[in-house]
Amino acid sequence: MGRRSQPKTQTEAPPESHTDHFSDHGSDDEDTLPHSDLEWKRVFDEIVLYLSENKVLPVTREYRWISIQRSKYKNKTLEQWKITALESVDGWCWDHMEYSWWKKYTEVKKIIEKKLSIINSDYYKWYLAQKKQYIDNTLSREKIRALEQIKGWDCYMNDAQVKWQLNFDRILKLYKRNKARTIIDEKAWFYAQRKRYKKRTIHKYQILAIEKNFDGWVWNVCQDIWQTNYDKLLKYVNDNGAFPPHRKHPWFALQLRQYRNGGFKDEEKILKLEKIPGWHEIVKYKYVN
């Protein structure tokens, strides 16, 4: 698989003179180096200095030079003395993607082994991506073995939870673009979440994620409609000191009829209706207006 580009430990000490890196090339006297190699050494020293001060490789004008060295290394056209010099520098890596993967892996490993919450960390999306690739078997054997060595790797999310989160992220992205359209197009998903909530099979973090990100979310749509009509009725009674006309307010008439006939099974609704001023009086008499 080639050499693995894991992050090296950073040092706080200022950079020393880097003439030692070029001892294999012959004399360390710059006067004896070809012009192209002198330029190479000049940029090399700039990168070493930048690394010592910032702890990361530069992404400005020197990055093209870095890319060239990596490309030559990959094509096996980079001189050995340059390879040795670059590999002696703390923070150097030949493959940026690999370096980034192993750096994040190290941080996630610390979080999981300390039994902290990965969900609230900066590495949550990375963790999800690895779980998906692990499930799909698209990771290298080396990375699979590394992940499996983390004690508690599977504790945070099983396969179903990972798929739920990926689907949630996709729908939320669409929702932020077009709320109304997303609610229509993804109504089956929203219905499934309410069904799971009713059956108490949805996880707490999923409940919080839905309530936080979808404006005006309600778990019981029928209950929400009932509450809206109740609020209108209560306002009407408070504003007018009387109940509304029967024929013009069929919802009120329906509640009155169900209450009289004992059709309410929801104790919360019964208590709310009984709190409306004059409710008990109106129940006693046949409503004719």
Protein backbone atom coordinates (compact mmCIF):
# COMPACT_ATOMS: atom_id res chain seq x y z
CA MET A 1 0.00 0.00 0.00
CA GLY A 2 3.04 2.29 0.13
CA ARG A 3 4.07 4.29 3.11
CA ARG A 4 1.24 5.67 5.20
CA SER A 5 1.15 9.42 5.69
CA GLN A 6 0.15 9.68 9.33
CA PRO A 7 0.56 13.02 11.08
CA LYS A 8 3.86 13.54 12.83
CA THR A 9 4.18 15.01 16.31
CA GLN A 10 4.77 18.74 16.20
CA THR A 11 7.65 20.31 18.10
CA GLU A 12 7.63 23.70 19.74
CA ALA A 13 11.35 24.35 19.26
CA PRO A 14 12.35 26.83 16.53
CA PRO A 15 13.81 25.35 13.32
CA GLU A 16 17.50 24.60 13.32
CA SER A 17 19.80 25.16 10.38
CA HIS A 18 18.75 22.71 7.68
CA THR A 19 22.12 22.18 6.06
CA ASP A 20 22.13 18.73 7.69
CA HIS A 21 19.29 17.70 5.38
CA PHE A 22 21.55 18.08 2.37
CA SER A 23 24.60 16.15 3.59
CA ASP A 24 23.74 13.21 1.36
CA HIS A 25 23.86 15.49 -1.66
CA GLY A 26 27.53 16.16 -1.15
CA SER A 27 28.96 19.38 0.24
CA ASP A 28 26.60 21.53 2.30
CA ASP A 29 28.28 24.64 0.92
CA GLU A 30 25.59 26.47 -1.06
CA ASP A 31 28.19 27.70 -3.54
CA THR A 32 28.58 24.14 -4.82
CA LEU A 33 24.84 23.55 -5.36
CA PRO A 34 23.37 23.98 -8.86
CA HIS A 35 21.12 27.01 -9.29
CA SER A 36 17.94 24.89 -9.45
CA ASP A 37 18.90 23.13 -6.23
CA LEU A 38 19.65 26.46 -4.53
CA GLU A 39 16.14 27.62 -5.42
CA TRP A 40 14.73 24.32 -4.13
CA LYS A 41 16.60 24.77 -0.84
CA ARG A 42 15.37 28.36 -0.52
CA VAL A 43 11.70 27.34 -0.83
CA PHE A 44 12.33 24.35 1.41
CA ASP A 45 13.66 26.62 4.17
CA GLU A 46 10.63 28.90 3.80
CA ILE A 47 8.29 25.93 4.28
CA VAL A 48 10.24 24.67 7.29
CA LEU A 49 9.97 28.11 8.87
CA TYR A 50 6.24 28.32 8.07
CA LEU A 51 5.63 24.88 9.59
CA SER A 52 7.48 25.76 12.77
CA GLU A 53 5.37 28.88 13.23
CA ASN A 54 1.94 27.65 12.06
CA LYS A 55 2.07 23.86 12.59
CA VAL A 56 0.45 23.28 9.17
CA LEU A 57 1.69 23.27 5.60
CA PRO A 58 1.12 26.51 3.66
CA VAL A 59 -1.74 26.74 1.18
CA THR A 60 -0.59 29.91 -0.59
CA ARG A 61 2.09 30.29 -3.25
CA GLU A 62 4.33 27.59 -1.76
CA TYR A 63 1.56 25.01 -2.14
CA ARG A 64 2.31 24.58 -5.86
CA TRP A 65 5.91 23.76 -4.96
CA ILE A 66 4.65 21.22 -2.40
CA SER A 67 2.34 19.67 -5.01
CA ILE A 68 5.26 19.32 -7.43
CA GLN A 69 7.34 17.49 -4.83
CA ARG A 70 4.49 15.12 -4.08
CA SER A 71 3.89 14.49 -7.76
CA LYS A 72 7.58 13.75 -8.37
CA TYR A 73 7.65 11.48 -5.33
CA LYS A 74 4.63 9.57 -6.63
CA ASN A 75 6.24 9.23 -10.07
CA LYS A 76 9.59 8.23 -8.45
CA THR A 77 11.45 11.14 -10.08
CA LEU A 78 12.35 13.03 -6.90
CA GLU A 79 15.97 12.76 -5.79
CA GLN A 80 16.64 10.77 -2.64
CA TRP A 81 18.36 13.64 -0.84
CA LYS A 82 15.23 15.77 -1.29
CA ILE A 83 13.02 12.94 -0.05
CA THR A 84 15.21 12.58 3.04
CA ALA A 85 15.14 16.33 3.67
CA LEU A 86 11.36 16.57 3.36
CA GLU A 87 10.66 13.51 5.51
CA SER A 88 12.84 14.89 8.28
CA VAL A 89 10.51 17.87 8.68
CA ASP A 90 7.82 17.59 11.36
CA GLY A 91 4.41 17.93 9.74
CA TRP A 92 5.44 16.91 6.23
CA CYS A 93 3.24 14.40 4.38
CA TRP A 94 3.34 12.97 0.88
CA ASP A 95 -0.40 12.43 0.54
CA HIS A 96 -2.55 15.23 1.91
CA MET A 97 -5.78 13.20 1.82
CA GLU A 98 -4.19 10.33 3.70
CA TYR A 99 -2.60 12.72 6.15
CA SER A 100 -5.95 14.40 6.80
CA TRP A 101 -7.70 11.03 7.26
CA TRP A 102 -5.22 9.78 9.84
CA LYS A 103 -5.21 13.09 11.67
CA LYS A 104 -8.99 13.00 12.03
CA TYR A 105 -8.85 9.33 12.91
CA THR A 106 -6.50 10.13 15.79
CA GLU A 107 -8.85 12.80 17.15
CA VAL A 108 -11.95 10.60 16.84
CA LYS A 109 -10.11 7.75 18.56
CA LYS A 110 -9.40 10.02 21.53
CA ILE A 111 -13.04 11.16 21.73
CA ILE A 112 -14.48 7.65 21.61
CA GLU A 113 -11.98 6.11 24.01
CA LYS A 114 -12.67 8.91 26.51
CA LYS A 115 -16.40 8.10 26.12
CA LEU A 116 -17.20 11.65 25.05
CA SER A 117 -20.00 12.58 22.62
CA ILE A 118 -18.94 12.28 19.00
CA ILE A 119 -22.29 13.74 17.91
CA ASN A 120 -21.48 17.18 19.35
CA SER A 121 -17.89 17.23 18.13
CA ASP A 122 -16.29 18.78 15.04
CA TYR A 123 -15.62 15.28 13.70
CA TYR A 124 -19.22 14.06 13.62
CA LYS A 125 -19.62 14.30 9.82
CA TRP A 126 -16.27 12.57 9.31
CA TYR A 127 -17.38 9.78 11.65
CA LEU A 128 -20.63 9.38 9.68
CA ALA A 129 -18.74 9.23 6.39
CA GLN A 130 -16.44 6.49 7.72
CA LYS A 131 -19.40 4.52 9.07
CA LYS A 132 -21.09 4.66 5.66
CA GLN A 133 -17.92 3.56 3.85
CA TYR A 134 -17.42 0.85 6.45
CA ILE A 135 -20.95 -0.43 5.87
CA ASP A 136 -20.48 -0.26 2.07
CA ASN A 137 -17.07 -1.93 2.40
CA THR A 138 -15.32 0.82 0.43
CA LEU A 139 -12.53 1.53 2.93
CA SER A 140 -9.05 0.07 2.59
CA ARG A 141 -8.24 -2.96 4.74
CA GLU A 142 -5.72 -0.89 6.67
CA LYS A 143 -8.34 1.72 7.60
CA ILE A 144 -10.94 -0.93 8.45
CA ARG A 145 -8.49 -2.60 10.82
CA ALA A 146 -7.60 0.78 12.36
CA LEU A 147 -11.27 1.66 12.98
CA GLU A 148 -12.04 -1.77 14.42
CA GLN A 149 -9.19 -1.34 16.88
CA ILE A 150 -11.00 1.61 18.49
CA LYS A 151 -12.82 0.28 21.52
CA GLY A 152 -16.40 1.50 21.23
CA TRP A 153 -16.25 2.21 17.48
CA ASP A 154 -19.80 0.85 16.99
CA CYS A 155 -21.29 2.16 20.23
CA TYR A 156 -22.48 5.52 18.95
CA MET A 157 -24.41 4.45 15.88
CA ASN A 158 -25.54 1.22 14.29
CA ASP A 159 -26.04 0.88 10.53
CA ALA A 160 -29.67 2.03 10.65
CA GLN A 161 -28.79 5.17 12.61
CA VAL A 162 -26.04 6.10 10.16
CA LYS A 163 -28.43 5.73 7.22
CA TRP A 164 -31.03 7.82 9.09
CA GLN A 165 -28.51 10.60 9.70
CA LEU A 166 -27.33 10.67 6.10
CA ASN A 167 -30.95 10.84 4.92
CA PHE A 168 -31.72 13.56 7.47
CA ASP A 169 -28.75 15.64 6.27
CA ARG A 170 -29.91 15.26 2.65
CA ILE A 171 -33.49 16.33 3.43
CA LEU A 172 -32.37 19.24 5.62
CA LYS A 173 -30.19 20.52 2.79
CA LEU A 174 -33.21 20.45 0.44
CA TYR A 175 -35.42 22.03 3.11
CA LYS A 176 -33.10 25.02 3.47
CA ARG A 177 -33.38 25.62 -0.27
CA ASN A 178 -37.16 25.19 -0.59
CA LYS A 179 -39.19 24.47 2.54
CA ALA A 180 -42.62 23.97 0.99
CA ARG A 181 -41.36 21.78 -1.84
CA THR A 182 -39.33 19.57 0.48
CA ILE A 183 -42.28 18.97 2.82
CA ILE A 184 -44.31 17.74 -0.18
CA ASP A 185 -41.56 15.70 -1.86
CA GLU A 186 -40.35 14.07 1.36
CA LYS A 187 -43.75 13.60 3.03
CA ALA A 188 -43.18 9.84 3.34
CA TRP A 189 -40.04 10.46 5.43
CA PHE A 190 -41.80 13.00 7.67
CA TYR A 191 -44.72 10.61 8.14
CA ALA A 192 -42.29 7.82 9.09
CA GLN A 193 -40.69 10.00 11.78
CA ARG A 194 -44.07 10.85 13.32
CA LYS A 195 -45.01 7.18 13.27
CA ARG A 196 -41.78 6.25 15.05
CA TYR A 197 -42.40 9.02 17.59
CA LYS A 198 -45.88 7.67 18.31
CA LYS A 199 -44.47 4.16 18.78
CA ARG A 200 -41.57 5.56 20.85
CA THR A 201 -38.95 3.97 18.62
CA ILE A 202 -37.20 7.19 17.60
CA HIS A 203 -33.99 8.20 19.37
CA LYS A 204 -33.83 11.32 21.52
CA TYR A 205 -31.06 12.95 19.45
CA GLN A 206 -33.19 12.42 16.32
CA ILE A 207 -36.18 14.08 18.00
CA LEU A 208 -34.06 17.08 18.96
CA ALA A 209 -32.56 17.32 15.47
CA ILE A 210 -36.00 17.37 13.83
CA GLU A 211 -37.53 19.86 16.29
CA LYS A 212 -34.53 22.18 16.00
CA ASN A 213 -34.26 22.30 12.21
CA PHE A 214 -37.82 22.12 10.83
CA ASP A 215 -39.77 25.30 11.53
CA GLY A 216 -43.05 24.84 13.39
CA TRP A 217 -42.60 21.08 13.63
CA VAL A 218 -45.37 19.13 15.39
CA TRP A 219 -45.40 15.40 16.05
CA ASN A 220 -49.19 15.12 15.94
CA VAL A 221 -50.64 17.02 12.99
CA CYS A 222 -54.25 16.38 14.07
CA GLN A 223 -53.46 17.63 17.55
CA ASP A 224 -51.93 20.76 16.06
CA ILE A 225 -55.05 21.48 13.99
CA TRP A 226 -57.25 20.93 17.06
CA GLN A 227 -55.09 23.31 19.11
CA THR A 228 -55.29 25.99 16.42
CA ASN A 229 -59.10 25.82 16.37
CA TYR A 230 -59.23 25.77 20.16
CA ASP A 231 -57.10 28.93 20.36
CA LYS A 232 -59.46 30.67 17.92
CA LEU A 233 -62.50 29.63 19.95
CA LEU A 234 -60.94 30.78 23.23
CA LYS A 235 -60.04 34.15 21.71
CA TYR A 236 -63.56 34.60 20.35
CA VAL A 237 -65.13 33.88 23.75
CA ASN A 238 -62.70 36.19 25.59
CA ASP A 239 -63.24 39.00 23.05
CA ASN A 240 -67.03 38.70 22.80
CA GLY A 241 -68.10 37.26 26.16
CA ALA A 242 -70.15 34.58 24.38
CA PHE A 243 -69.74 31.52 22.19
CA PRO A 244 -69.86 31.87 18.39
CA PRO A 245 -72.94 31.07 16.26
CA HIS A 246 -73.44 27.34 15.81
CA ARG A 247 -73.79 27.24 12.01
CA LYS A 248 -70.82 29.51 11.35
CA HIS A 249 -68.46 27.55 13.58
CA PRO A 250 -68.92 23.82 12.90
CA TRP A 251 -65.72 22.92 14.76
CA PHE A 252 -67.11 24.39 17.98
CA ALA A 253 -70.42 22.56 17.43
CA LEU A 254 -68.52 19.29 16.92
CA GLN A 255 -66.57 19.68 20.17
CA LEU A 256 -69.75 20.50 22.07
CA ARG A 257 -71.54 17.45 20.67
CA GLN A 258 -68.63 15.11 21.40
CA TYR A 259 -68.29 16.46 24.93
CA ARG A 260 -72.01 15.96 25.64
CA ASN A 261 -71.93 12.43 24.23
CA GLY A 262 -68.78 11.44 26.10
CA GLY A 263 -66.88 11.05 22.84
CA PHE A 264 -63.62 12.57 24.13
CA LYS A 265 -60.94 10.08 25.19
CA ASP A 266 -58.24 12.71 25.46
CA GLU A 267 -58.28 14.07 29.02
CA GLU A 268 -56.08 17.01 28.02
CA LYS A 269 -58.66 18.21 25.50
CA ILE A 270 -61.47 17.85 28.04
CA LEU A 271 -59.57 19.97 30.58
CA LYS A 272 -58.85 22.65 27.99
CA LEU A 273 -62.50 22.91 26.94
CA GLU A 274 -63.63 23.13 30.55
CA LYS A 275 -61.28 26.10 31.08
CA ILE A 276 -63.16 28.17 28.51
CA PRO A 277 -65.35 30.72 30.39
CA GLY A 278 -69.00 29.60 30.30
CA TRP A 279 -68.26 26.11 28.94
CA HIS A 280 -70.14 24.23 31.66
CA GLU A 281 -73.18 26.49 31.20
CA ILE A 282 -73.30 26.03 27.43
CA VAL A 283 -73.11 22.25 27.84
CA LYS A 284 -76.26 22.20 29.99
CA TYR A 285 -78.46 23.85 27.37
CA LYS A 286 -79.33 22.88 23.85
CA TYR A 287 -77.44 25.20 21.56
CA VAL A 288 -79.87 26.81 19.06
CA ASN A 289 -78.20 29.90 17.53
